[in-house]
Amino acid sequence: MLDESRDDLVWKIKNLIQRLCFSSVDIIFVSSKKEVVPYAQRLGLPKDRIRFLPFHTNITKPRMVSGSGSYILSAGGLEEILPH
């Protein structure tokens, strides 16, 4: 979830760090089609590197597995999945 852009120095530094960190990511998955363009613009990435993936899982026991050294980061806000 993206925060509102601001004009202050702290936010600009934060955005620069985000762009640097995500510049080496192959694909970013978002849980809403409406997030593709804003994420691409915020991170300075082409839209084809950001893909919509419906929020669903059937994984009942998440665990680390050995493999090729690839990593997956999934993040989001609890307020979107918890009832109000």
C-alpha atoms as a PDB file:
ATOM      1  CA  MET A   1       0.000   0.000   0.000  1.00  0.00           C
ATOM      2  CA  LEU A   2       1.456   3.301  -1.037  1.00  0.00           C
ATOM      3  CA  ASP A   3       1.406   6.318   1.198  1.00  0.00           C
ATOM      4  CA  GLU A   4       0.548   9.753  -0.125  1.00  0.00           C
ATOM      5  CA  SER A   5       3.483  11.435  -1.816  1.00  0.00           C
ATOM      6  CA  ARG A   6       4.816  14.485  -0.037  1.00  0.00           C
ATOM      7  CA  ASP A   7       7.219  17.288  -0.810  1.00  0.00           C
ATOM      8  CA  ASP A   8       9.424  17.040   2.274  1.00  0.00           C
ATOM      9  CA  LEU A   9      13.016  15.791   2.275  1.00  0.00           C
ATOM     10  CA  VAL A  10      12.360  12.717   4.449  1.00  0.00           C
ATOM     11  CA  TRP A  11       9.690  11.432   2.050  1.00  0.00           C
ATOM     12  CA  LYS A  12      11.913  12.085  -0.986  1.00  0.00           C
ATOM     13  CA  ILE A  13      14.740  10.094   0.610  1.00  0.00           C
ATOM     14  CA  LYS A  14      12.306   7.282   1.433  1.00  0.00           C
ATOM     15  CA  ASN A  15      11.101   7.208  -2.176  1.00  0.00           C
ATOM     16  CA  LEU A  16      14.672   7.133  -3.476  1.00  0.00           C
ATOM     17  CA  ILE A  17      15.453   4.151  -1.228  1.00  0.00           C
ATOM     18  CA  GLN A  18      12.276   2.388  -2.425  1.00  0.00           C
ATOM     19  CA  ARG A  19      13.256   2.935  -6.067  1.00  0.00           C
ATOM     20  CA  LEU A  20      16.767   1.628  -5.447  1.00  0.00           C
ATOM     21  CA  CYS A  21      15.543  -1.448  -3.579  1.00  0.00           C
ATOM     22  CA  PHE A  22      12.859  -2.367  -6.103  1.00  0.00           C
ATOM     23  CA  SER A  23      15.014  -1.656  -9.180  1.00  0.00           C
ATOM     24  CA  SER A  24      16.539  -5.150  -8.909  1.00  0.00           C
ATOM     25  CA  VAL A  25      13.213  -6.955  -8.377  1.00  0.00           C
ATOM     26  CA  ASP A  26      12.037  -8.966 -11.386  1.00  0.00           C
ATOM     27  CA  ILE A  27       8.296  -8.909 -10.654  1.00  0.00           C
ATOM     28  CA  ILE A  28       6.164  -7.175  -8.054  1.00  0.00           C
ATOM     29  CA  PHE A  29       2.745  -8.677  -7.371  1.00  0.00           C
ATOM     30  CA  VAL A  30      -0.106  -6.461  -6.230  1.00  0.00           C
ATOM     31  CA  SER A  31      -3.519  -7.538  -4.974  1.00  0.00           C
ATOM     32  CA  SER A  32      -5.538  -4.988  -6.966  1.00  0.00           C
ATOM     33  CA  LYS A  33      -5.505  -4.167 -10.668  1.00  0.00           C
ATOM     34  CA  LYS A  34      -5.783  -0.498  -9.700  1.00  0.00           C
ATOM     35  CA  GLU A  35      -2.368  -0.672  -7.993  1.00  0.00           C
ATOM     36  CA  VAL A  36      -0.333  -1.533 -11.116  1.00  0.00           C
ATOM     37  CA  VAL A  37      -0.002   1.991 -12.541  1.00  0.00           C
ATOM     38  CA  PRO A  38       0.545   3.817  -9.207  1.00  0.00           C
ATOM     39  CA  TYR A  39       3.262   1.337  -8.168  1.00  0.00           C
ATOM     40  CA  ALA A  40       4.969   1.604 -11.563  1.00  0.00           C
ATOM     41  CA  GLN A  41       4.955   5.396 -11.363  1.00  0.00           C
ATOM     42  CA  ARG A  42       6.096   5.541  -7.729  1.00  0.00           C
ATOM     43  CA  LEU A  43       8.929   3.060  -8.232  1.00  0.00           C
ATOM     44  CA  GLY A  44       9.956   4.249 -11.705  1.00  0.00           C
ATOM     45  CA  LEU A  45       9.394   0.798 -13.208  1.00  0.00           C
ATOM     46  CA  PRO A  46       7.712  -0.369 -16.409  1.00  0.00           C
ATOM     47  CA  LYS A  47       4.129  -1.592 -15.872  1.00  0.00           C
ATOM     48  CA  ASP A  48       5.011  -5.095 -17.116  1.00  0.00           C
ATOM     49  CA  ARG A  49       7.163  -5.644 -14.001  1.00  0.00           C
ATOM     50  CA  ILE A  50       4.114  -5.195 -11.781  1.00  0.00           C
ATOM     51  CA  ARG A  51       1.431  -7.840 -11.973  1.00  0.00           C
ATOM     52  CA  PHE A  52      -1.966  -8.358 -10.420  1.00  0.00           C
ATOM     53  CA  LEU A  53      -2.342 -11.545  -8.384  1.00  0.00           C
ATOM     54  CA  PRO A  54      -5.721 -12.155  -6.734  1.00  0.00           C
ATOM     55  CA  PHE A  55      -5.471 -12.353  -2.958  1.00  0.00           C
ATOM     56  CA  HIS A  56      -5.936 -16.053  -2.348  1.00  0.00           C
ATOM     57  CA  THR A  57      -3.974 -18.919  -0.925  1.00  0.00           C
ATOM     58  CA  ASN A  58      -4.472 -22.523  -0.041  1.00  0.00           C
ATOM     59  CA  ILE A  59      -1.202 -22.725   1.867  1.00  0.00           C
ATOM     60  CA  THR A  60      -2.089 -23.978   5.332  1.00  0.00           C
ATOM     61  CA  LYS A  61       1.434 -24.499   6.681  1.00  0.00           C
ATOM     62  CA  PRO A  62       3.863 -21.885   5.320  1.00  0.00           C
ATOM     63  CA  ARG A  63       7.510 -22.935   5.564  1.00  0.00           C
ATOM     64  CA  MET A  64      10.921 -22.184   4.122  1.00  0.00           C
ATOM     65  CA  VAL A  65      12.117 -24.570   1.441  1.00  0.00           C
ATOM     66  CA  SER A  66      15.558 -24.919  -0.057  1.00  0.00           C
ATOM     67  CA  GLY A  67      15.878 -23.854  -3.636  1.00  0.00           C
ATOM     68  CA  SER A  68      17.599 -21.571  -6.066  1.00  0.00           C
ATOM     69  CA  GLY A  69      18.146 -18.713  -3.657  1.00  0.00           C
ATOM     70  CA  SER A  70      15.038 -16.829  -4.800  1.00  0.00           C
ATOM     71  CA  TYR A  71      12.996 -14.939  -2.265  1.00  0.00           C
ATOM     72  CA  ILE A  72       9.371 -13.896  -2.016  1.00  0.00           C
ATOM     73  CA  LEU A  73       8.229 -10.886  -0.011  1.00  0.00           C
ATOM     74  CA  SER A  74       4.549 -10.483   0.720  1.00  0.00           C
ATOM     75  CA  ALA A  75       3.339  -7.469   2.664  1.00  0.00           C
ATOM     76  CA  GLY A  76       0.090  -5.727   3.303  1.00  0.00           C
ATOM     77  CA  GLY A  77      -2.167  -4.143   5.847  1.00  0.00           C
ATOM     78  CA  LEU A  78      -4.232  -6.151   8.281  1.00  0.00           C
ATOM     79  CA  GLU A  79      -7.067  -3.669   8.028  1.00  0.00           C
ATOM     80  CA  GLU A  80      -7.831  -5.059   4.570  1.00  0.00           C
ATOM     81  CA  ILE A  81      -8.450  -8.609   5.774  1.00  0.00           C
ATOM     82  CA  LEU A  82      -9.854  -8.139   9.264  1.00  0.00           C
ATOM     83  CA  PRO A  83     -13.523  -7.261   9.750  1.00  0.00           C
ATOM     84  CA  HIS A  84     -14.225  -3.705  10.954  1.00  0.00           C
END
